[in-house]
Amino acid sequence: MTGYEIARPAGPRVPSQATVKKTAPKPFPRDFDDELRDIITAVRPFTTAGNEKLHALVTATRYVRERGVAGAVVECGVSGSGSMQAVARALIAGGERDRDLYLFDTALDQARADFGAVAYPSGHLHFVPGPLEETVPGRAPGQIALLRIDTDDYAPTRHQLDHLYPRLAPGGVLVLDDYGWWKGARQATDDWLRESGAQLVLWRAGGGRVAVKP
């Protein structure tokens, strides 16, 4: 016996959801305006999304609001509701309170309760619980201005892209939260882009990607 042990080196792997840990937020970059800082600070207890992702989402919300892009805001995979709370706060800050917000996830009781912290009209908040493969597209709005997909794995990500991207209005924004983090979400998106022929530039936003529909 030599005292040494031969082992195969571990290759790169995609982390499971169980290994993802909440990290402390980084200081705000200097170009974050006061309104954006206030929004991120308010939603921080309800999300693990980093400042760059929240910046991209608030910017996308401002974009569709200021350019009058018609349609609802749809989030598939809510995970704490902080992201949609950021959307609601950005709309309120711009004087808009009548855009419908749809939140799709398997369970939404906590998200519904947490949304009490936001003064957004309840009549324009739509919580749609259940497996997304069953609730989408049947319970989704006919026109979407901003579509945020945070569904991690291949099958649900591909399902949302297949069924909801056609409802995204021209000039609408697609946010792919997990593209740079979960292998399944990335592969689903790449396959969909290749097979659908969608002409999109995916801009990096933290670990996610953002695109504007032509």
N, C-alpha and C. Protein backbone atom coordinates (compact mmCIF):
# COMPACT_ATOMS: atom_id res chain seq x y z
N MET A 1 0.84 -1.20 0.00
CA MET A 1 0.00 0.00 0.00
C MET A 1 0.88 1.25 0.00
N THR A 2 0.56 2.20 -0.86
CA THR A 2 1.36 3.42 -0.97
C THR A 2 0.83 4.57 -0.13
N GLY A 3 -0.41 4.44 0.32
CA GLY A 3 -1.01 5.54 1.06
C GLY A 3 -1.73 6.53 0.17
N TYR A 4 -1.70 6.31 -1.18
CA TYR A 4 -2.37 7.20 -2.11
C TYR A 4 -3.63 6.53 -2.64
N GLU A 5 -4.58 7.30 -3.02
CA GLU A 5 -5.82 6.79 -3.59
C GLU A 5 -6.05 7.44 -4.95
N ILE A 6 -6.31 6.63 -5.98
CA ILE A 6 -6.55 7.14 -7.32
C ILE A 6 -8.03 7.39 -7.49
N ALA A 7 -8.39 8.58 -7.91
CA ALA A 7 -9.81 8.93 -8.09
C ALA A 7 -9.95 9.75 -9.35
N ARG A 8 -11.11 9.59 -10.01
CA ARG A 8 -11.40 10.35 -11.21
C ARG A 8 -11.71 11.79 -10.83
N PRO A 9 -11.08 12.76 -11.49
CA PRO A 9 -11.38 14.16 -11.13
C PRO A 9 -12.81 14.51 -11.46
N ALA A 10 -13.40 15.31 -10.59
CA ALA A 10 -14.79 15.70 -10.79
C ALA A 10 -14.87 16.77 -11.86
N GLY A 11 -15.78 16.57 -12.83
CA GLY A 11 -15.98 17.55 -13.88
C GLY A 11 -16.97 18.60 -13.44
N PRO A 12 -17.15 19.61 -14.29
CA PRO A 12 -18.12 20.66 -13.94
C PRO A 12 -19.52 20.11 -13.90
N ARG A 13 -20.33 20.62 -13.03
CA ARG A 13 -21.70 20.17 -12.94
C ARG A 13 -22.62 21.36 -12.65
N VAL A 14 -23.83 21.19 -13.04
CA VAL A 14 -24.82 22.23 -12.76
C VAL A 14 -25.37 21.99 -11.37
N PRO A 15 -25.39 22.98 -10.50
CA PRO A 15 -25.85 22.76 -9.13
C PRO A 15 -27.33 22.47 -9.08
N SER A 16 -27.71 21.63 -8.12
CA SER A 16 -29.13 21.38 -7.91
C SER A 16 -29.72 22.53 -7.13
N GLN A 17 -31.06 22.63 -7.14
CA GLN A 17 -31.71 23.70 -6.40
C GLN A 17 -31.40 23.62 -4.91
N ALA A 18 -31.18 22.39 -4.40
CA ALA A 18 -30.94 22.21 -2.97
C ALA A 18 -29.62 22.84 -2.54
N THR A 19 -28.67 23.05 -3.51
CA THR A 19 -27.36 23.57 -3.13
C THR A 19 -27.27 25.08 -3.30
N VAL A 20 -28.31 25.68 -3.85
CA VAL A 20 -28.28 27.12 -4.07
C VAL A 20 -28.51 27.85 -2.75
N LYS A 21 -27.61 28.75 -2.39
CA LYS A 21 -27.72 29.46 -1.14
C LYS A 21 -27.99 30.93 -1.39
N LYS A 22 -28.75 31.53 -0.50
CA LYS A 22 -29.01 32.95 -0.59
C LYS A 22 -27.77 33.71 -0.16
N THR A 23 -27.32 34.65 -0.99
CA THR A 23 -26.14 35.42 -0.68
C THR A 23 -26.51 36.86 -0.38
N ALA A 24 -25.64 37.53 0.35
CA ALA A 24 -25.90 38.92 0.70
C ALA A 24 -25.83 39.78 -0.56
N PRO A 25 -26.72 40.75 -0.70
CA PRO A 25 -26.70 41.59 -1.88
C PRO A 25 -25.44 42.43 -1.95
N LYS A 26 -24.97 42.66 -3.17
CA LYS A 26 -23.80 43.51 -3.36
C LYS A 26 -24.20 44.97 -3.27
N PRO A 27 -23.24 45.85 -3.01
CA PRO A 27 -23.55 47.28 -3.00
C PRO A 27 -24.09 47.72 -4.36
N PHE A 28 -24.93 48.74 -4.36
CA PHE A 28 -25.50 49.22 -5.61
C PHE A 28 -24.42 49.88 -6.47
N PRO A 29 -24.40 49.59 -7.76
CA PRO A 29 -23.52 50.34 -8.66
C PRO A 29 -23.91 51.80 -8.69
N ARG A 30 -23.02 52.66 -9.10
CA ARG A 30 -23.25 54.10 -9.05
C ARG A 30 -24.33 54.56 -10.01
N ASP A 31 -24.56 53.78 -11.08
CA ASP A 31 -25.54 54.21 -12.07
C ASP A 31 -26.97 53.78 -11.74
N PHE A 32 -27.20 53.14 -10.60
CA PHE A 32 -28.56 52.80 -10.18
C PHE A 32 -29.22 54.07 -9.62
N ASP A 33 -30.34 54.49 -10.21
CA ASP A 33 -30.99 55.70 -9.72
C ASP A 33 -31.71 55.44 -8.39
N ASP A 34 -32.16 56.52 -7.75
CA ASP A 34 -32.75 56.40 -6.42
C ASP A 34 -34.01 55.55 -6.43
N GLU A 35 -34.84 55.71 -7.46
CA GLU A 35 -36.07 54.93 -7.53
C GLU A 35 -35.76 53.44 -7.62
N LEU A 36 -34.79 53.08 -8.44
CA LEU A 36 -34.40 51.69 -8.59
C LEU A 36 -33.85 51.12 -7.29
N ARG A 37 -33.03 51.90 -6.60
CA ARG A 37 -32.50 51.46 -5.32
C ARG A 37 -33.62 51.23 -4.30
N ASP A 38 -34.59 52.11 -4.29
CA ASP A 38 -35.71 51.97 -3.36
C ASP A 38 -36.51 50.70 -3.66
N ILE A 39 -36.73 50.44 -4.95
CA ILE A 39 -37.49 49.25 -5.34
C ILE A 39 -36.75 47.98 -4.91
N ILE A 40 -35.47 47.92 -5.22
CA ILE A 40 -34.69 46.73 -4.88
C ILE A 40 -34.64 46.53 -3.36
N THR A 41 -34.46 47.60 -2.63
CA THR A 41 -34.43 47.50 -1.16
C THR A 41 -35.76 46.97 -0.62
N ALA A 42 -36.87 47.43 -1.21
CA ALA A 42 -38.19 47.01 -0.73
C ALA A 42 -38.46 45.54 -1.01
N VAL A 43 -37.97 45.01 -2.13
CA VAL A 43 -38.30 43.63 -2.50
C VAL A 43 -37.23 42.64 -2.04
N ARG A 44 -36.12 43.14 -1.53
CA ARG A 44 -35.02 42.24 -1.15
C ARG A 44 -35.43 41.10 -0.23
N PRO A 45 -36.33 41.32 0.77
CA PRO A 45 -36.72 40.19 1.63
C PRO A 45 -37.48 39.09 0.91
N PHE A 46 -37.94 39.35 -0.31
CA PHE A 46 -38.81 38.41 -1.01
C PHE A 46 -38.16 37.76 -2.22
N THR A 47 -36.85 37.94 -2.41
CA THR A 47 -36.22 37.38 -3.59
C THR A 47 -34.74 37.10 -3.34
N THR A 48 -34.21 36.13 -4.05
CA THR A 48 -32.78 35.86 -4.04
C THR A 48 -32.10 36.43 -5.29
N ALA A 49 -32.87 37.05 -6.17
CA ALA A 49 -32.31 37.62 -7.40
C ALA A 49 -31.30 38.71 -7.06
N GLY A 50 -30.21 38.73 -7.78
CA GLY A 50 -29.19 39.74 -7.56
C GLY A 50 -29.59 41.10 -8.11
N ASN A 51 -28.81 42.10 -7.76
CA ASN A 51 -29.12 43.46 -8.17
C ASN A 51 -29.16 43.63 -9.69
N GLU A 52 -28.28 42.93 -10.40
CA GLU A 52 -28.25 43.07 -11.86
C GLU A 52 -29.53 42.52 -12.49
N LYS A 53 -30.01 41.40 -11.99
CA LYS A 53 -31.26 40.85 -12.51
C LYS A 53 -32.43 41.78 -12.22
N LEU A 54 -32.47 42.31 -11.02
CA LEU A 54 -33.57 43.21 -10.67
C LEU A 54 -33.48 44.51 -11.46
N HIS A 55 -32.27 44.98 -11.70
CA HIS A 55 -32.09 46.16 -12.55
C HIS A 55 -32.68 45.89 -13.94
N ALA A 56 -32.36 44.74 -14.51
CA ALA A 56 -32.85 44.41 -15.85
C ALA A 56 -34.37 44.32 -15.87
N LEU A 57 -34.96 43.75 -14.83
CA LEU A 57 -36.41 43.59 -14.79
C LEU A 57 -37.11 44.93 -14.63
N VAL A 58 -36.61 45.78 -13.76
CA VAL A 58 -37.20 47.10 -13.60
C VAL A 58 -37.03 47.92 -14.88
N THR A 59 -35.87 47.82 -15.51
CA THR A 59 -35.64 48.53 -16.78
C THR A 59 -36.60 48.04 -17.85
N ALA A 60 -36.83 46.73 -17.91
CA ALA A 60 -37.78 46.18 -18.88
C ALA A 60 -39.19 46.68 -18.61
N THR A 61 -39.56 46.78 -17.34
CA THR A 61 -40.89 47.28 -16.98
C THR A 61 -41.04 48.74 -17.40
N ARG A 62 -40.03 49.53 -17.11
CA ARG A 62 -40.05 50.93 -17.54
C ARG A 62 -40.16 51.03 -19.06
N TYR A 63 -39.45 50.17 -19.74
CA TYR A 63 -39.43 50.19 -21.21
C TYR A 63 -40.83 49.96 -21.78
N VAL A 64 -41.52 48.90 -21.34
CA VAL A 64 -42.84 48.63 -21.90
C VAL A 64 -43.85 49.68 -21.46
N ARG A 65 -43.67 50.23 -20.27
CA ARG A 65 -44.56 51.29 -19.78
C ARG A 65 -44.39 52.58 -20.59
N GLU A 66 -43.15 53.01 -20.76
CA GLU A 66 -42.88 54.29 -21.43
C GLU A 66 -43.18 54.24 -22.92
N ARG A 67 -43.07 53.05 -23.53
CA ARG A 67 -43.31 52.93 -24.96
C ARG A 67 -44.73 52.44 -25.28
N GLY A 68 -45.52 52.27 -24.25
CA GLY A 68 -46.90 51.89 -24.46
C GLY A 68 -47.09 50.52 -25.06
N VAL A 69 -46.19 49.58 -24.75
CA VAL A 69 -46.35 48.21 -25.26
C VAL A 69 -47.56 47.59 -24.58
N ALA A 70 -48.52 47.15 -25.37
CA ALA A 70 -49.77 46.62 -24.82
C ALA A 70 -49.59 45.20 -24.30
N GLY A 71 -50.38 44.87 -23.28
CA GLY A 71 -50.40 43.52 -22.78
C GLY A 71 -50.08 43.43 -21.30
N ALA A 72 -50.23 42.22 -20.78
CA ALA A 72 -50.00 41.94 -19.37
C ALA A 72 -48.53 41.64 -19.11
N VAL A 73 -48.19 41.59 -17.84
CA VAL A 73 -46.90 41.08 -17.41
C VAL A 73 -47.14 39.67 -16.87
N VAL A 74 -46.36 38.71 -17.37
CA VAL A 74 -46.54 37.31 -16.99
C VAL A 74 -45.23 36.77 -16.42
N GLU A 75 -45.35 36.12 -15.26
CA GLU A 75 -44.19 35.47 -14.64
C GLU A 75 -44.50 34.00 -14.45
N CYS A 76 -43.65 33.15 -14.98
CA CYS A 76 -43.79 31.70 -14.84
C CYS A 76 -42.67 31.19 -13.95
N GLY A 77 -43.05 30.77 -12.73
CA GLY A 77 -42.07 30.40 -11.73
C GLY A 77 -41.84 31.59 -10.82
N VAL A 78 -42.60 31.68 -9.74
CA VAL A 78 -42.64 32.92 -8.97
C VAL A 78 -41.54 32.98 -7.91
N SER A 79 -41.34 31.92 -7.17
CA SER A 79 -40.22 31.81 -6.24
C SER A 79 -40.04 33.02 -5.33
N GLY A 80 -41.07 33.29 -4.49
CA GLY A 80 -40.95 34.34 -3.50
C GLY A 80 -41.65 35.63 -3.82
N SER A 81 -42.00 35.85 -5.05
CA SER A 81 -42.79 36.99 -5.53
C SER A 81 -42.03 38.30 -5.58
N GLY A 82 -40.76 38.34 -5.16
CA GLY A 82 -40.02 39.59 -5.15
C GLY A 82 -39.85 40.20 -6.53
N SER A 83 -39.67 39.37 -7.55
CA SER A 83 -39.49 39.90 -8.90
C SER A 83 -40.75 40.59 -9.39
N MET A 84 -41.91 39.96 -9.19
CA MET A 84 -43.14 40.60 -9.64
C MET A 84 -43.50 41.79 -8.75
N GLN A 85 -43.10 41.75 -7.50
CA GLN A 85 -43.28 42.94 -6.67
C GLN A 85 -42.47 44.11 -7.24
N ALA A 86 -41.27 43.83 -7.74
CA ALA A 86 -40.45 44.87 -8.35
C ALA A 86 -41.14 45.44 -9.58
N VAL A 87 -41.76 44.57 -10.38
CA VAL A 87 -42.51 45.03 -11.54
C VAL A 87 -43.65 45.94 -11.11
N ALA A 88 -44.42 45.50 -10.11
CA ALA A 88 -45.55 46.29 -9.64
C ALA A 88 -45.10 47.65 -9.11
N ARG A 89 -44.02 47.68 -8.36
CA ARG A 89 -43.52 48.94 -7.82
C ARG A 89 -43.02 49.87 -8.93
N ALA A 90 -42.40 49.30 -9.96
CA ALA A 90 -41.94 50.12 -11.08
C ALA A 90 -43.11 50.71 -11.85
N LEU A 91 -44.19 49.93 -12.00
CA LEU A 91 -45.38 50.46 -12.65
C LEU A 91 -46.01 51.58 -11.83
N ILE A 92 -46.12 51.36 -10.53
CA ILE A 92 -46.69 52.38 -9.65
C ILE A 92 -45.87 53.66 -9.71
N ALA A 93 -44.55 53.52 -9.69
CA ALA A 93 -43.67 54.69 -9.73
C ALA A 93 -43.88 55.50 -11.00
N GLY A 94 -44.30 54.84 -12.07
CA GLY A 94 -44.55 55.53 -13.32
C GLY A 94 -46.00 55.93 -13.51
N GLY A 95 -46.80 55.79 -12.47
CA GLY A 95 -48.20 56.21 -12.53
C GLY A 95 -49.12 55.23 -13.21
N GLU A 96 -48.70 53.98 -13.34
CA GLU A 96 -49.54 52.97 -14.01
C GLU A 96 -49.97 51.91 -12.99
N ARG A 97 -51.28 51.73 -12.87
CA ARG A 97 -51.82 50.77 -11.91
C ARG A 97 -52.88 49.86 -12.52
N ASP A 98 -53.02 49.88 -13.84
CA ASP A 98 -54.10 49.11 -14.45
C ASP A 98 -53.61 48.03 -15.40
N ARG A 99 -52.31 47.72 -15.36
CA ARG A 99 -51.80 46.62 -16.18
C ARG A 99 -51.96 45.31 -15.41
N ASP A 100 -52.46 44.30 -16.07
CA ASP A 100 -52.67 43.01 -15.41
C ASP A 100 -51.34 42.29 -15.20
N LEU A 101 -51.18 41.72 -14.01
CA LEU A 101 -49.99 40.95 -13.66
C LEU A 101 -50.42 39.51 -13.37
N TYR A 102 -49.80 38.56 -14.07
CA TYR A 102 -50.13 37.14 -13.91
C TYR A 102 -48.94 36.42 -13.30
N LEU A 103 -49.19 35.69 -12.21
CA LEU A 103 -48.16 34.91 -11.53
C LEU A 103 -48.54 33.44 -11.60
N PHE A 104 -47.73 32.65 -12.29
CA PHE A 104 -47.97 31.22 -12.46
C PHE A 104 -46.93 30.42 -11.66
N ASP A 105 -47.42 29.50 -10.82
CA ASP A 105 -46.53 28.59 -10.10
C ASP A 105 -47.37 27.47 -9.52
N THR A 106 -46.71 26.46 -9.00
CA THR A 106 -47.44 25.31 -8.46
C THR A 106 -48.24 25.69 -7.22
N ALA A 107 -47.69 26.58 -6.40
CA ALA A 107 -48.39 27.04 -5.19
C ALA A 107 -48.09 28.52 -5.01
N LEU A 108 -49.11 29.29 -4.61
CA LEU A 108 -48.94 30.75 -4.56
C LEU A 108 -49.49 31.40 -3.30
N ASP A 109 -49.82 30.62 -2.29
CA ASP A 109 -50.39 31.21 -1.08
C ASP A 109 -49.46 32.23 -0.45
N GLN A 110 -48.16 31.89 -0.34
CA GLN A 110 -47.22 32.80 0.28
C GLN A 110 -47.01 34.04 -0.58
N ALA A 111 -46.94 33.85 -1.89
CA ALA A 111 -46.78 35.00 -2.79
C ALA A 111 -47.96 35.95 -2.67
N ARG A 112 -49.14 35.39 -2.58
CA ARG A 112 -50.34 36.22 -2.44
C ARG A 112 -50.28 37.03 -1.14
N ALA A 113 -49.85 36.39 -0.06
CA ALA A 113 -49.75 37.08 1.22
C ALA A 113 -48.68 38.16 1.18
N ASP A 114 -47.53 37.84 0.58
CA ASP A 114 -46.43 38.80 0.54
C ASP A 114 -46.76 40.02 -0.31
N PHE A 115 -47.63 39.85 -1.28
CA PHE A 115 -47.98 40.96 -2.15
C PHE A 115 -48.79 42.02 -1.42
N GLY A 116 -49.20 41.73 -0.20
CA GLY A 116 -49.88 42.73 0.60
C GLY A 116 -49.00 43.93 0.90
N ALA A 117 -47.69 43.77 0.74
CA ALA A 117 -46.76 44.87 0.99
C ALA A 117 -46.74 45.87 -0.16
N VAL A 118 -47.41 45.55 -1.26
CA VAL A 118 -47.39 46.41 -2.45
C VAL A 118 -48.79 46.97 -2.69
N ALA A 119 -48.88 48.25 -2.88
CA ALA A 119 -50.19 48.91 -3.07
C ALA A 119 -50.62 48.84 -4.54
N TYR A 120 -50.69 47.61 -5.06
CA TYR A 120 -51.14 47.43 -6.44
C TYR A 120 -52.58 46.91 -6.40
N PRO A 121 -53.46 47.43 -7.26
CA PRO A 121 -54.87 47.03 -7.20
C PRO A 121 -55.05 45.52 -7.34
N SER A 122 -55.76 44.93 -6.38
CA SER A 122 -55.93 43.48 -6.36
C SER A 122 -56.66 42.97 -7.59
N GLY A 123 -57.51 43.80 -8.19
CA GLY A 123 -58.24 43.37 -9.37
C GLY A 123 -57.37 43.13 -10.58
N HIS A 124 -56.13 43.64 -10.53
CA HIS A 124 -55.20 43.44 -11.64
C HIS A 124 -54.10 42.44 -11.31
N LEU A 125 -54.25 41.75 -10.18
CA LEU A 125 -53.31 40.69 -9.79
C LEU A 125 -53.97 39.35 -9.99
N HIS A 126 -53.33 38.47 -10.75
CA HIS A 126 -53.91 37.17 -11.07
C HIS A 126 -52.92 36.08 -10.64
N PHE A 127 -53.26 35.38 -9.56
CA PHE A 127 -52.43 34.28 -9.06
C PHE A 127 -52.99 32.98 -9.62
N VAL A 128 -52.16 32.26 -10.38
CA VAL A 128 -52.64 31.06 -11.07
C VAL A 128 -51.83 29.86 -10.57
N PRO A 129 -52.34 29.15 -9.54
CA PRO A 129 -51.60 28.00 -9.01
C PRO A 129 -51.83 26.75 -9.84
N GLY A 130 -50.85 25.83 -9.74
CA GLY A 130 -50.98 24.55 -10.43
C GLY A 130 -49.79 24.30 -11.33
N PRO A 131 -49.64 23.05 -11.81
CA PRO A 131 -48.56 22.74 -12.75
C PRO A 131 -48.65 23.62 -13.99
N LEU A 132 -47.53 24.23 -14.37
CA LEU A 132 -47.57 25.17 -15.47
C LEU A 132 -47.94 24.52 -16.80
N GLU A 133 -47.61 23.25 -16.94
CA GLU A 133 -47.98 22.55 -18.17
C GLU A 133 -49.49 22.41 -18.30
N GLU A 134 -50.21 22.58 -17.17
CA GLU A 134 -51.67 22.49 -17.20
C GLU A 134 -52.34 23.87 -17.24
N THR A 135 -51.73 24.86 -16.63
CA THR A 135 -52.36 26.19 -16.58
C THR A 135 -51.97 27.07 -17.76
N VAL A 136 -50.88 26.75 -18.41
CA VAL A 136 -50.43 27.48 -19.60
C VAL A 136 -50.58 26.57 -20.81
N PRO A 137 -51.22 27.07 -21.89
CA PRO A 137 -51.61 28.46 -22.12
C PRO A 137 -53.05 28.80 -21.74
N GLY A 138 -53.83 27.82 -21.27
CA GLY A 138 -55.26 28.03 -21.10
C GLY A 138 -55.63 29.22 -20.23
N ARG A 139 -54.86 29.49 -19.17
CA ARG A 139 -55.21 30.57 -18.24
C ARG A 139 -54.29 31.78 -18.39
N ALA A 140 -53.53 31.80 -19.45
CA ALA A 140 -52.64 32.93 -19.71
C ALA A 140 -53.37 33.99 -20.54
N PRO A 141 -52.96 35.25 -20.41
CA PRO A 141 -53.60 36.32 -21.18
C PRO A 141 -53.28 36.21 -22.66
N GLY A 142 -54.13 36.80 -23.47
CA GLY A 142 -53.95 36.71 -24.91
C GLY A 142 -52.83 37.58 -25.44
N GLN A 143 -52.49 38.65 -24.73
CA GLN A 143 -51.40 39.53 -25.15
C GLN A 143 -50.50 39.83 -23.97
N ILE A 144 -49.20 39.76 -24.20
CA ILE A 144 -48.21 39.91 -23.14
C ILE A 144 -47.22 41.00 -23.55
N ALA A 145 -46.92 41.88 -22.60
CA ALA A 145 -45.92 42.93 -22.83
C ALA A 145 -44.56 42.53 -22.29
N LEU A 146 -44.56 41.81 -21.17
CA LEU A 146 -43.32 41.39 -20.53
C LEU A 146 -43.51 39.96 -20.04
N LEU A 147 -42.64 39.08 -20.47
CA LEU A 147 -42.72 37.66 -20.11
C LEU A 147 -41.44 37.26 -19.40
N ARG A 148 -41.58 36.87 -18.14
CA ARG A 148 -40.43 36.41 -17.36
C ARG A 148 -40.57 34.92 -17.09
N ILE A 149 -39.58 34.14 -17.51
CA ILE A 149 -39.60 32.69 -17.34
C ILE A 149 -38.51 32.29 -16.36
N ASP A 150 -38.92 31.65 -15.27
CA ASP A 150 -38.00 31.23 -14.19
C ASP A 150 -38.36 29.81 -13.79
N THR A 151 -38.22 28.88 -14.74
CA THR A 151 -38.71 27.52 -14.50
C THR A 151 -37.61 26.45 -14.50
N ASP A 152 -36.35 26.86 -14.51
CA ASP A 152 -35.19 25.99 -14.24
C ASP A 152 -34.95 24.89 -15.27
N ASP A 153 -35.91 23.99 -15.43
CA ASP A 153 -35.68 22.77 -16.18
C ASP A 153 -36.10 22.88 -17.65
N TYR A 154 -35.71 21.84 -18.40
CA TYR A 154 -35.94 21.87 -19.85
C TYR A 154 -37.42 21.92 -20.21
N ALA A 155 -38.19 20.93 -19.74
CA ALA A 155 -39.58 20.78 -20.21
C ALA A 155 -40.44 22.01 -19.91
N PRO A 156 -40.48 22.53 -18.67
CA PRO A 156 -41.33 23.69 -18.44
C PRO A 156 -40.86 24.94 -19.16
N THR A 157 -39.54 25.12 -19.28
CA THR A 157 -39.03 26.28 -20.00
C THR A 157 -39.44 26.23 -21.46
N ARG A 158 -39.27 25.07 -22.07
CA ARG A 158 -39.66 24.93 -23.48
C ARG A 158 -41.17 25.11 -23.65
N HIS A 159 -41.94 24.61 -22.71
CA HIS A 159 -43.40 24.74 -22.77
C HIS A 159 -43.80 26.22 -22.77
N GLN A 160 -43.21 27.01 -21.89
CA GLN A 160 -43.56 28.43 -21.82
C GLN A 160 -43.16 29.17 -23.09
N LEU A 161 -41.99 28.87 -23.61
CA LEU A 161 -41.55 29.53 -24.84
C LEU A 161 -42.44 29.17 -26.02
N ASP A 162 -42.78 27.90 -26.13
CA ASP A 162 -43.63 27.45 -27.24
C ASP A 162 -44.99 28.13 -27.21
N HIS A 163 -45.56 28.26 -26.02
CA HIS A 163 -46.95 28.71 -25.92
C HIS A 163 -47.11 30.21 -25.65
N LEU A 164 -46.15 30.83 -24.99
CA LEU A 164 -46.34 32.21 -24.59
C LEU A 164 -45.57 33.22 -25.43
N TYR A 165 -44.43 32.84 -25.99
CA TYR A 165 -43.72 33.80 -26.83
C TYR A 165 -44.58 34.29 -28.00
N PRO A 166 -45.39 33.44 -28.65
CA PRO A 166 -46.25 33.96 -29.71
C PRO A 166 -47.23 35.03 -29.23
N ARG A 167 -47.52 35.08 -27.94
CA ARG A 167 -48.43 36.08 -27.40
C ARG A 167 -47.71 37.35 -26.96
N LEU A 168 -46.39 37.33 -27.00
CA LEU A 168 -45.62 38.51 -26.62
C LEU A 168 -45.74 39.54 -27.74
N ALA A 169 -46.15 40.76 -27.37
CA ALA A 169 -46.37 41.82 -28.36
C ALA A 169 -45.05 42.25 -29.00
N PRO A 170 -45.10 42.72 -30.23
CA PRO A 170 -43.90 43.33 -30.83
C PRO A 170 -43.40 44.46 -29.92
N GLY A 171 -42.12 44.46 -29.67
CA GLY A 171 -41.55 45.42 -28.73
C GLY A 171 -41.63 44.95 -27.29
N GLY A 172 -42.27 43.81 -27.04
CA GLY A 172 -42.34 43.25 -25.71
C GLY A 172 -41.01 42.64 -25.30
N VAL A 173 -40.85 42.43 -23.99
CA VAL A 173 -39.57 41.98 -23.45
C VAL A 173 -39.69 40.56 -22.91
N LEU A 174 -38.72 39.73 -23.28
CA LEU A 174 -38.60 38.37 -22.77
C LEU A 174 -37.44 38.32 -21.78
N VAL A 175 -37.71 37.85 -20.57
CA VAL A 175 -36.68 37.71 -19.54
C VAL A 175 -36.52 36.23 -19.22
N LEU A 176 -35.32 35.72 -19.43
CA LEU A 176 -35.01 34.30 -19.18
C LEU A 176 -34.11 34.25 -17.95
N ASP A 177 -34.71 34.04 -16.79
CA ASP A 177 -34.00 34.19 -15.53
C ASP A 177 -32.90 33.16 -15.35
N ASP A 178 -33.09 31.94 -15.86
CA ASP A 178 -32.20 30.83 -15.53
C ASP A 178 -31.22 30.44 -16.63
N TYR A 179 -31.16 31.20 -17.71
CA TYR A 179 -30.36 30.78 -18.86
C TYR A 179 -28.91 30.51 -18.49
N GLY A 180 -28.32 31.37 -17.70
CA GLY A 180 -26.91 31.21 -17.38
C GLY A 180 -26.63 30.33 -16.17
N TRP A 181 -27.69 29.77 -15.58
CA TRP A 181 -27.50 29.03 -14.32
C TRP A 181 -27.91 27.57 -14.43
N TRP A 182 -29.06 27.29 -15.04
CA TRP A 182 -29.55 25.92 -15.12
C TRP A 182 -29.40 25.39 -16.54
N LYS A 183 -28.75 24.24 -16.65
CA LYS A 183 -28.47 23.66 -17.96
C LYS A 183 -29.75 23.38 -18.73
N GLY A 184 -30.78 22.90 -18.05
CA GLY A 184 -32.03 22.58 -18.73
C GLY A 184 -32.67 23.80 -19.35
N ALA A 185 -32.70 24.90 -18.61
CA ALA A 185 -33.29 26.13 -19.13
C ALA A 185 -32.51 26.64 -20.33
N ARG A 186 -31.20 26.56 -20.26
CA ARG A 186 -30.37 27.03 -21.38
C ARG A 186 -30.57 26.18 -22.62
N GLN A 187 -30.59 24.86 -22.44
CA GLN A 187 -30.76 23.97 -23.59
C GLN A 187 -32.13 24.14 -24.22
N ALA A 188 -33.15 24.28 -23.38
CA ALA A 188 -34.50 24.49 -23.89
C ALA A 188 -34.59 25.76 -24.73
N THR A 189 -33.95 26.82 -24.24
CA THR A 189 -33.96 28.08 -24.97
C THR A 189 -33.21 27.97 -26.28
N ASP A 190 -32.03 27.35 -26.26
CA ASP A 190 -31.24 27.21 -27.48
C ASP A 190 -31.97 26.37 -28.52
N ASP A 191 -32.59 25.28 -28.08
CA ASP A 191 -33.35 24.44 -29.02
C ASP A 191 -34.53 25.21 -29.60
N TRP A 192 -35.22 25.95 -28.73
CA TRP A 192 -36.39 26.72 -29.20
C TRP A 192 -35.97 27.80 -30.20
N LEU A 193 -34.89 28.49 -29.93
CA LEU A 193 -34.41 29.51 -30.85
C LEU A 193 -34.08 28.91 -32.21
N ARG A 194 -33.41 27.78 -32.20
CA ARG A 194 -33.02 27.13 -33.45
C ARG A 194 -34.24 26.63 -34.23
N GLU A 195 -35.18 26.02 -33.53
CA GLU A 195 -36.31 25.40 -34.20
C GLU A 195 -37.42 26.38 -34.57
N SER A 196 -37.58 27.43 -33.77
CA SER A 196 -38.66 28.39 -34.04
C SER A 196 -38.26 29.45 -35.06
N GLY A 197 -36.95 29.67 -35.17
CA GLY A 197 -36.48 30.71 -36.07
C GLY A 197 -36.60 32.11 -35.49
N ALA A 198 -36.90 32.23 -34.21
CA ALA A 198 -37.01 33.55 -33.58
C ALA A 198 -35.68 34.28 -33.67
N GLN A 199 -35.74 35.52 -34.13
CA GLN A 199 -34.53 36.33 -34.31
C GLN A 199 -34.34 37.22 -33.10
N LEU A 200 -33.62 36.73 -32.13
CA LEU A 200 -33.44 37.46 -30.87
C LEU A 200 -31.97 37.56 -30.50
N VAL A 201 -31.60 38.69 -29.96
CA VAL A 201 -30.31 38.85 -29.32
C VAL A 201 -30.53 38.73 -27.81
N LEU A 202 -29.86 37.78 -27.18
CA LEU A 202 -30.01 37.58 -25.74
C LEU A 202 -28.91 38.36 -25.01
N TRP A 203 -29.33 39.44 -24.34
CA TRP A 203 -28.38 40.24 -23.60
C TRP A 203 -28.25 39.71 -22.18
N ARG A 204 -27.02 39.64 -21.71
CA ARG A 204 -26.77 39.12 -20.37
C ARG A 204 -27.30 40.08 -19.31
N ALA A 205 -27.95 39.51 -18.29
CA ALA A 205 -28.45 40.28 -17.15
C ALA A 205 -28.19 39.46 -15.90
N GLY A 206 -27.03 39.64 -15.28
CA GLY A 206 -26.65 38.73 -14.21
C GLY A 206 -26.49 37.34 -14.82
N GLY A 207 -27.13 36.35 -14.21
CA GLY A 207 -27.10 35.01 -14.75
C GLY A 207 -28.23 34.74 -15.75
N GLY A 208 -29.06 35.75 -16.01
CA GLY A 208 -30.16 35.59 -16.93
C GLY A 208 -29.89 36.22 -18.29
N ARG A 209 -30.91 36.25 -19.13
CA ARG A 209 -30.83 36.88 -20.43
C ARG A 209 -32.11 37.68 -20.68
N VAL A 210 -31.98 38.75 -21.45
CA VAL A 210 -33.11 39.62 -21.79
C VAL A 210 -33.11 39.86 -23.29
N ALA A 211 -34.30 39.85 -23.89
CA ALA A 211 -34.42 40.12 -25.32
C ALA A 211 -35.69 40.92 -25.58
N VAL A 212 -35.66 41.74 -26.62
CA VAL A 212 -36.83 42.50 -27.06
C VAL A 212 -37.34 41.87 -28.35
N LYS A 213 -38.63 41.55 -28.38
CA LYS A 213 -39.19 40.92 -29.57
C LYS A 213 -39.29 41.94 -30.70
N PRO A 214 -38.81 41.60 -31.89
CA PRO A 214 -38.88 42.53 -33.02
C PRO A 214 -40.33 42.90 -33.36
